[in-house]
PDB file of N, CA and C in Angstrom:
ATOM      1  N   MET A   1      10.228  13.680   5.909  1.00  0.00           N
ATOM      2  CA  MET A   1       9.662  13.234   5.165  1.00  0.00           C
ATOM      3  C   MET A   1       9.160  11.641   5.294  1.00  0.00           C
ATOM      4  N   PRO A   2       8.307  11.445   4.640  1.00  0.00           N
ATOM      5  CA  PRO A   2       7.694  10.020   5.107  1.00  0.00           C
ATOM      6  C   PRO A   2       8.531   9.193   4.796  1.00  0.00           C
ATOM      7  N   GLU A   3       7.865   8.367   5.433  1.00  0.00           N
ATOM      8  CA  GLU A   3       9.087   6.560   5.073  1.00  0.00           C
ATOM      9  C   GLU A   3       8.516   5.707   3.573  1.00  0.00           C
ATOM     10  N   ASN A   4       9.931   5.898   3.202  1.00  0.00           N
ATOM     11  CA  ASN A   4       9.746   5.282   1.937  1.00  0.00           C
ATOM     12  C   ASN A   4       8.934   3.899   1.975  1.00  0.00           C
ATOM     13  N   MET A   5       9.201   2.341   3.079  1.00  0.00           N
ATOM     14  CA  MET A   5       8.608   1.920   3.219  1.00  0.00           C
ATOM     15  C   MET A   5       8.212   1.312   5.185  1.00  0.00           C
ATOM     16  N   LYS A   6       6.890   0.876   4.911  1.00  0.00           N
ATOM     17  CA  LYS A   6       6.921   0.792   5.554  1.00  0.00           C
ATOM     18  C   LYS A   6       6.032  -1.154   7.241  1.00  0.00           C
ATOM     19  N   ILE A   7       6.466  -1.837   7.606  1.00  0.00           N
ATOM     20  CA  ILE A   7       6.429  -3.247   7.590  1.00  0.00           C
ATOM     21  C   ILE A   7       4.798  -2.504   8.736  1.00  0.00           C
ATOM     22  N   ILE A   8       4.103  -3.536   8.232  1.00  0.00           N
ATOM     23  CA  ILE A   8       2.561  -3.530   8.644  1.00  0.00           C
ATOM     24  C   ILE A   8       2.189  -4.587   8.259  1.00  0.00           C
ATOM     25  N   ASP A   9       2.111  -5.189  10.211  1.00  0.00           N
ATOM     26  CA  ASP A   9       0.698  -5.934  10.321  1.00  0.00           C
ATOM     27  C   ASP A   9       1.960  -7.525   9.521  1.00  0.00           C
ATOM     28  N   ASP A  10       3.339  -7.187   9.455  1.00  0.00           N
ATOM     29  CA  ASP A  10       4.417  -8.116   9.670  1.00  0.00           C
ATOM     30  C   ASP A  10       4.665  -8.029   8.552  1.00  0.00           C
ATOM     31  N   LYS A  11       4.221  -7.237   7.107  1.00  0.00           N
ATOM     32  CA  LYS A  11       3.461  -7.028   5.278  1.00  0.00           C
ATOM     33  C   LYS A  11       4.726  -6.089   4.730  1.00  0.00           C
ATOM     34  N   LYS A  12       5.652  -5.979   4.054  1.00  0.00           N
ATOM     35  CA  LYS A  12       6.554  -5.294   3.566  1.00  0.00           C
ATOM     36  C   LYS A  12       5.406  -4.158   2.522  1.00  0.00           C
ATOM     37  N   PHE A  13       5.367  -2.299   3.566  1.00  0.00           N
ATOM     38  CA  PHE A  13       4.159  -1.555   2.204  1.00  0.00           C
ATOM     39  C   PHE A  13       5.647  -0.490   2.034  1.00  0.00           C
ATOM     40  N   MET A  14       5.264  -0.699   0.530  1.00  0.00           N
ATOM     41  CA  MET A  14       6.469   0.897  -0.123  1.00  0.00           C
ATOM     42  C   MET A  14       4.513   1.685  -0.304  1.00  0.00           C
ATOM     43  N   TRP A  15       5.799   3.334   0.111  1.00  0.00           N
ATOM     44  CA  TRP A  15       4.809   4.616   0.211  1.00  0.00           C
ATOM     45  C   TRP A  15       5.243   4.550  -1.476  1.00  0.00           C
ATOM     46  N   ASP A  16       3.417   5.145  -1.815  1.00  0.00           N
ATOM     47  CA  ASP A  16       3.803   5.014  -3.689  1.00  0.00           C
ATOM     48  C   ASP A  16       3.644   7.228  -3.892  1.00  0.00           C
ATOM     49  N   GLY A  17       4.939   7.502  -2.850  1.00  0.00           N
ATOM     50  CA  GLY A  17       4.950   8.901  -2.571  1.00  0.00           C
ATOM     51  C   GLY A  17       4.509  10.628  -2.893  1.00  0.00           C
ATOM     52  N   ILE A  18       3.597  10.131  -3.134  1.00  0.00           N
ATOM     53  CA  ILE A  18       2.739  11.262  -2.593  1.00  0.00           C
ATOM     54  C   ILE A  18       1.577  11.950  -1.270  1.00  0.00           C
ATOM     55  N   VAL A  19       2.027  12.979  -1.277  1.00  0.00           N
ATOM     56  CA  VAL A  19       1.116  13.786   1.113  1.00  0.00           C
ATOM     57  C   VAL A  19      -0.009  13.951  -0.260  1.00  0.00           C
ATOM     58  N   TYR A  20      -1.995  13.747   0.028  1.00  0.00           N
ATOM     59  CA  TYR A  20      -2.568  13.214  -0.060  1.00  0.00           C
ATOM     60  C   TYR A  20      -3.328  14.419   0.871  1.00  0.00           C
ATOM     61  N   GLU A  21      -3.786  15.365   0.458  1.00  0.00           N
ATOM     62  CA  GLU A  21      -4.788  16.434   2.072  1.00  0.00           C
ATOM     63  C   GLU A  21      -5.853  16.094   2.137  1.00  0.00           C
ATOM     64  N   THR A  22      -6.241  14.733   1.675  1.00  0.00           N
ATOM     65  CA  THR A  22      -7.581  13.629   2.404  1.00  0.00           C
ATOM     66  C   THR A  22      -7.893  12.758   2.183  1.00  0.00           C
ATOM     67  N   THR A  23      -8.846  12.435   3.289  1.00  0.00           N
ATOM     68  CA  THR A  23      -8.754  10.897   3.246  1.00  0.00           C
ATOM     69  C   THR A  23      -9.883  10.282   2.226  1.00  0.00           C
ATOM     70  N   ASP A  24     -10.624  11.431   1.639  1.00  0.00           N
ATOM     71  CA  ASP A  24     -11.331  11.192   0.109  1.00  0.00           C
ATOM     72  C   ASP A  24     -10.749  11.274  -1.438  1.00  0.00           C
ATOM     73  N   LYS A  25      -9.293  12.186  -1.015  1.00  0.00           N
ATOM     74  CA  LYS A  25      -8.672  11.193  -1.648  1.00  0.00           C
ATOM     75  C   LYS A  25      -7.534  10.627  -1.872  1.00  0.00           C
ATOM     76  N   ALA A  26      -7.541  10.546  -0.927  1.00  0.00           N
ATOM     77  CA  ALA A  26      -6.204   8.911  -0.181  1.00  0.00           C
ATOM     78  C   ALA A  26      -7.388   7.538  -1.072  1.00  0.00           C
ATOM     79  N   ALA A  27      -8.172   7.531  -0.435  1.00  0.00           N
ATOM     80  CA  ALA A  27      -9.697   5.782  -0.261  1.00  0.00           C
ATOM     81  C   ALA A  27      -9.941   6.752  -2.286  1.00  0.00           C
ATOM     82  N   GLU A  28     -10.414   6.983  -2.839  1.00  0.00           N
ATOM     83  CA  GLU A  28      -9.894   6.926  -4.153  1.00  0.00           C
ATOM     84  C   GLU A  28      -8.815   5.967  -4.333  1.00  0.00           C
ATOM     85  N   ILE A  29      -7.361   6.638  -4.054  1.00  0.00           N
ATOM     86  CA  ILE A  29      -6.237   6.404  -5.100  1.00  0.00           C
ATOM     87  C   ILE A  29      -6.331   4.700  -5.269  1.00  0.00           C
ATOM     88  N   GLU A  30      -6.718   4.873  -3.238  1.00  0.00           N
ATOM     89  CA  GLU A  30      -6.467   3.109  -3.287  1.00  0.00           C
ATOM     90  C   GLU A  30      -7.449   2.288  -3.347  1.00  0.00           C
ATOM     91  N   ALA A  31      -8.726   3.196  -3.948  1.00  0.00           N
ATOM     92  CA  ALA A  31      -9.331   1.883  -4.582  1.00  0.00           C
ATOM     93  C   ALA A  31      -8.691   1.545  -6.030  1.00  0.00           C
ATOM     94  N   GLY A  32      -7.863   2.617  -6.922  1.00  0.00           N
ATOM     95  CA  GLY A  32      -7.208   2.344  -7.743  1.00  0.00           C
ATOM     96  C   GLY A  32      -6.244   0.878  -7.430  1.00  0.00           C
ATOM     97  N   TYR A  33      -5.107   1.798  -7.256  1.00  0.00           N
ATOM     98  CA  TYR A  33      -4.988   0.204  -6.625  1.00  0.00           C
ATOM     99  C   TYR A  33      -4.922  -1.151  -6.738  1.00  0.00           C
ATOM    100  N   LYS A  34      -6.198  -1.095  -5.073  1.00  0.00           N
ATOM    101  CA  LYS A  34      -6.609  -2.326  -5.043  1.00  0.00           C
ATOM    102  C   LYS A  34      -6.952  -3.076  -6.783  1.00  0.00           C
ATOM    103  N   LYS A  35      -7.892  -2.327  -7.791  1.00  0.00           N
ATOM    104  CA  LYS A  35      -8.524  -2.983  -8.461  1.00  0.00           C
ATOM    105  C   LYS A  35      -7.245  -3.376  -9.406  1.00  0.00           C
ATOM    106  N   GLN A  36      -5.788  -3.242  -9.558  1.00  0.00           N
ATOM    107  CA  GLN A  36      -4.880  -3.365  -9.869  1.00  0.00           C
ATOM    108  C   GLN A  36      -4.142  -4.171  -8.776  1.00  0.00           C
ATOM    109  N   SER A  37      -4.927  -6.113  -8.407  1.00  0.00           N
ATOM    110  CA  SER A  37      -3.992  -6.299  -7.140  1.00  0.00           C
ATOM    111  C   SER A  37      -3.260  -5.811  -6.273  1.00  0.00           C
ATOM    112  N   PHE A  38      -3.031  -4.812  -5.602  1.00  0.00           N
ATOM    113  CA  PHE A  38      -2.517  -4.383  -4.983  1.00  0.00           C
ATOM    114  C   PHE A  38      -3.205  -4.923  -3.552  1.00  0.00           C
ATOM    115  N   GLU A  39      -2.238  -4.679  -2.705  1.00  0.00           N
ATOM    116  CA  GLU A  39      -2.918  -4.891  -0.758  1.00  0.00           C
ATOM    117  C   GLU A  39      -2.582  -3.526  -0.638  1.00  0.00           C
ATOM    118  N   THR A  40      -3.093  -2.356   0.398  1.00  0.00           N
ATOM    119  CA  THR A  40      -2.994  -0.977   0.790  1.00  0.00           C
ATOM    120  C   THR A  40      -3.328  -0.619   1.783  1.00  0.00           C
ATOM    121  N   ARG A  41      -2.890   0.188   2.309  1.00  0.00           N
ATOM    122  CA  ARG A  41      -3.359   0.632   3.744  1.00  0.00           C
ATOM    123  C   ARG A  41      -3.119   2.802   3.456  1.00  0.00           C
ATOM    124  N   VAL A  42      -3.911   2.906   4.544  1.00  0.00           N
ATOM    125  CA  VAL A  42      -4.312   4.764   3.894  1.00  0.00           C
ATOM    126  C   VAL A  42      -3.441   4.944   5.603  1.00  0.00           C
ATOM    127  N   VAL A  43      -2.311   5.596   5.366  1.00  0.00           N
ATOM    128  CA  VAL A  43      -1.651   5.418   6.871  1.00  0.00           C
ATOM    129  C   VAL A  43      -1.729   7.867   7.608  1.00  0.00           C
ATOM    130  N   THR A  44      -2.804   7.918   7.858  1.00  0.00           N
ATOM    131  CA  THR A  44      -1.908   9.701   8.144  1.00  0.00           C
ATOM    132  C   THR A  44      -1.078   9.731   9.337  1.00  0.00           C
ATOM    133  N   ASP A  45      -0.516  11.444   8.081  1.00  0.00           N
ATOM    134  CA  ASP A  45       0.781  11.435   8.671  1.00  0.00           C
ATOM    135  C   ASP A  45       0.623  12.735   9.056  1.00  0.00           C
ATOM    136  N   ALA A  46       0.348  13.837  10.281  1.00  0.00           N
ATOM    137  CA  ALA A  46       0.195  14.707  10.711  1.00  0.00           C
ATOM    138  C   ALA A  46      -0.362  15.316   9.952  1.00  0.00           C
ATOM    139  N   ASP A  47      -1.788  14.598  10.187  1.00  0.00           N
ATOM    140  CA  ASP A  47      -3.246  16.098   8.427  1.00  0.00           C
ATOM    141  C   ASP A  47      -3.163  16.119   7.178  1.00  0.00           C
ATOM    142  N   LYS A  48      -2.020  14.770   7.161  1.00  0.00           N
ATOM    143  CA  LYS A  48      -2.460  14.174   5.489  1.00  0.00           C
ATOM    144  C   LYS A  48      -2.436  13.093   5.428  1.00  0.00           C
ATOM    145  N   TYR A  49      -2.687  12.350   4.359  1.00  0.00           N
ATOM    146  CA  TYR A  49      -2.525  10.904   4.210  1.00  0.00           C
ATOM    147  C   TYR A  49      -1.766  10.308   3.172  1.00  0.00           C
ATOM    148  N   LEU A  50      -1.319   9.229   4.390  1.00  0.00           N
ATOM    149  CA  LEU A  50      -0.608   8.305   2.999  1.00  0.00           C
ATOM    150  C   LEU A  50      -0.314   6.565   2.550  1.00  0.00           C
ATOM    151  N   VAL A  51      -0.949   6.618   1.152  1.00  0.00           N
ATOM    152  CA  VAL A  51      -0.996   5.534   0.469  1.00  0.00           C
ATOM    153  C   VAL A  51       0.354   4.647  -0.198  1.00  0.00           C
ATOM    154  N   TYR A  52       0.467   3.710   0.831  1.00  0.00           N
ATOM    155  CA  TYR A  52       1.267   1.294   1.157  1.00  0.00           C
ATOM    156  C   TYR A  52       0.747   1.221   0.401  1.00  0.00           C
ATOM    157  N   THR A  53       1.663  -0.096  -0.784  1.00  0.00           N
ATOM    158  CA  THR A  53       1.182  -0.739  -0.743  1.00  0.00           C
ATOM    159  C   THR A  53       1.936  -1.690  -1.114  1.00  0.00           C
ATOM    160  N   ARG A  54       1.190  -3.156  -1.731  1.00  0.00           N
ATOM    161  CA  ARG A  54       2.233  -4.276  -1.932  1.00  0.00           C
ATOM    162  C   ARG A  54       2.105  -5.544  -3.083  1.00  0.00           C
ATOM    163  N   ARG A  55       2.457  -5.427  -3.603  1.00  0.00           N
ATOM    164  CA  ARG A  55       1.572  -7.027  -4.840  1.00  0.00           C
ATOM    165  C   ARG A  55       1.667  -8.048  -3.791  1.00  0.00           C
ATOM    166  N   LEU A  56       0.273  -8.198  -4.308  1.00  0.00           N
ATOM    167  CA  LEU A  56       0.218  -9.125  -4.257  1.00  0.00           C
ATOM    168  C   LEU A  56       0.013 -10.951  -4.544  1.00  0.00           C
ATOM    169  N   ALA A  57      -0.025 -11.843  -4.020  1.00  0.00           N
ATOM    170  CA  ALA A  57       0.931 -13.084  -5.825  1.00  0.00           C
ATOM    171  C   ALA A  57      -0.186 -13.307  -6.468  1.00  0.00           C
ATOM    172  N   GLU A  58       0.218 -13.331  -7.274  1.00  0.00           N
ATOM    173  CA  GLU A  58      -1.156 -14.040  -8.444  1.00  0.00           C
ATOM    174  C   GLU A  58      -1.136 -15.355  -8.491  1.00  0.00           C
ATOM    175  N   GLN A  59       0.059 -16.191  -7.961  1.00  0.00           N
ATOM    176  CA  GLN A  59       0.309 -17.128  -8.314  1.00  0.00           C
ATOM    177  C   GLN A  59       1.311 -17.423  -7.872  1.00  0.00           C
ATOM    178  N   GLN A  60       1.049 -19.153  -7.312  1.00  0.00           N
ATOM    179  CA  GLN A  60       2.769 -19.227  -6.508  1.00  0.00           C
ATOM    180  C   GLN A  60       3.313 -20.250  -7.706  1.00  0.00           C
ATOM    181  N   THR A  61       4.644 -19.468  -7.707  1.00  0.00           N
ATOM    182  CA  THR A  61       5.208 -20.444  -8.547  1.00  0.00           C
ATOM    183  C   THR A  61       6.150 -21.641  -8.661  1.00  0.00           C
ATOM    184  N   ALA A  62       6.032 -22.229  -7.272  1.00  0.00           N
ATOM    185  CA  ALA A  62       6.976 -23.620  -7.347  1.00  0.00           C
ATOM    186  C   ALA A  62       5.905 -23.941  -5.834  1.00  0.00           C
ATOM    187  N   ALA A  63       5.887 -25.206  -5.977  1.00  0.00           N
ATOM    188  CA  ALA A  63       6.115 -25.940  -5.350  1.00  0.00           C
ATOM    189  C   ALA A  63       5.652 -25.911  -3.472  1.00  0.00           C
ATOM    190  N   PRO A  64       5.840 -26.612  -2.538  1.00  0.00           N
ATOM    191  CA  PRO A  64       6.129 -25.582  -1.564  1.00  0.00           C
ATOM    192  C   PRO A  64       6.728 -26.986  -1.354  1.00  0.00           C
ATOM    193  N   GLY A  65       7.880 -27.469  -0.975  1.00  0.00           N
ATOM    194  CA  GLY A  65       8.879 -28.408  -1.012  1.00  0.00           C
ATOM    195  C   GLY A  65       9.529 -28.986  -1.851  1.00  0.00           C
ATOM    196  N   SER A  66       9.954 -28.058  -3.612  1.00  0.00           N
ATOM    197  CA  SER A  66       9.728 -28.806  -4.506  1.00  0.00           C
ATOM    198  C   SER A  66      12.053 -27.867  -4.287  1.00  0.00           C
TER     199      SER A  66
END
């Protein structure tokens, strides 16, 4: 079973829960997440493909030092 969470480039990504058979299918799903403002990574695991995502902040909620 793949890890539900991975730290990639010092950022926490969550697995979308689906194992994709081809890189093309994983890329298609990844593109959909990117349109919804997610940061994504595709990870290869035993000849299968996993899509990990993290939500990008749309705006800062508080000014630094507040």
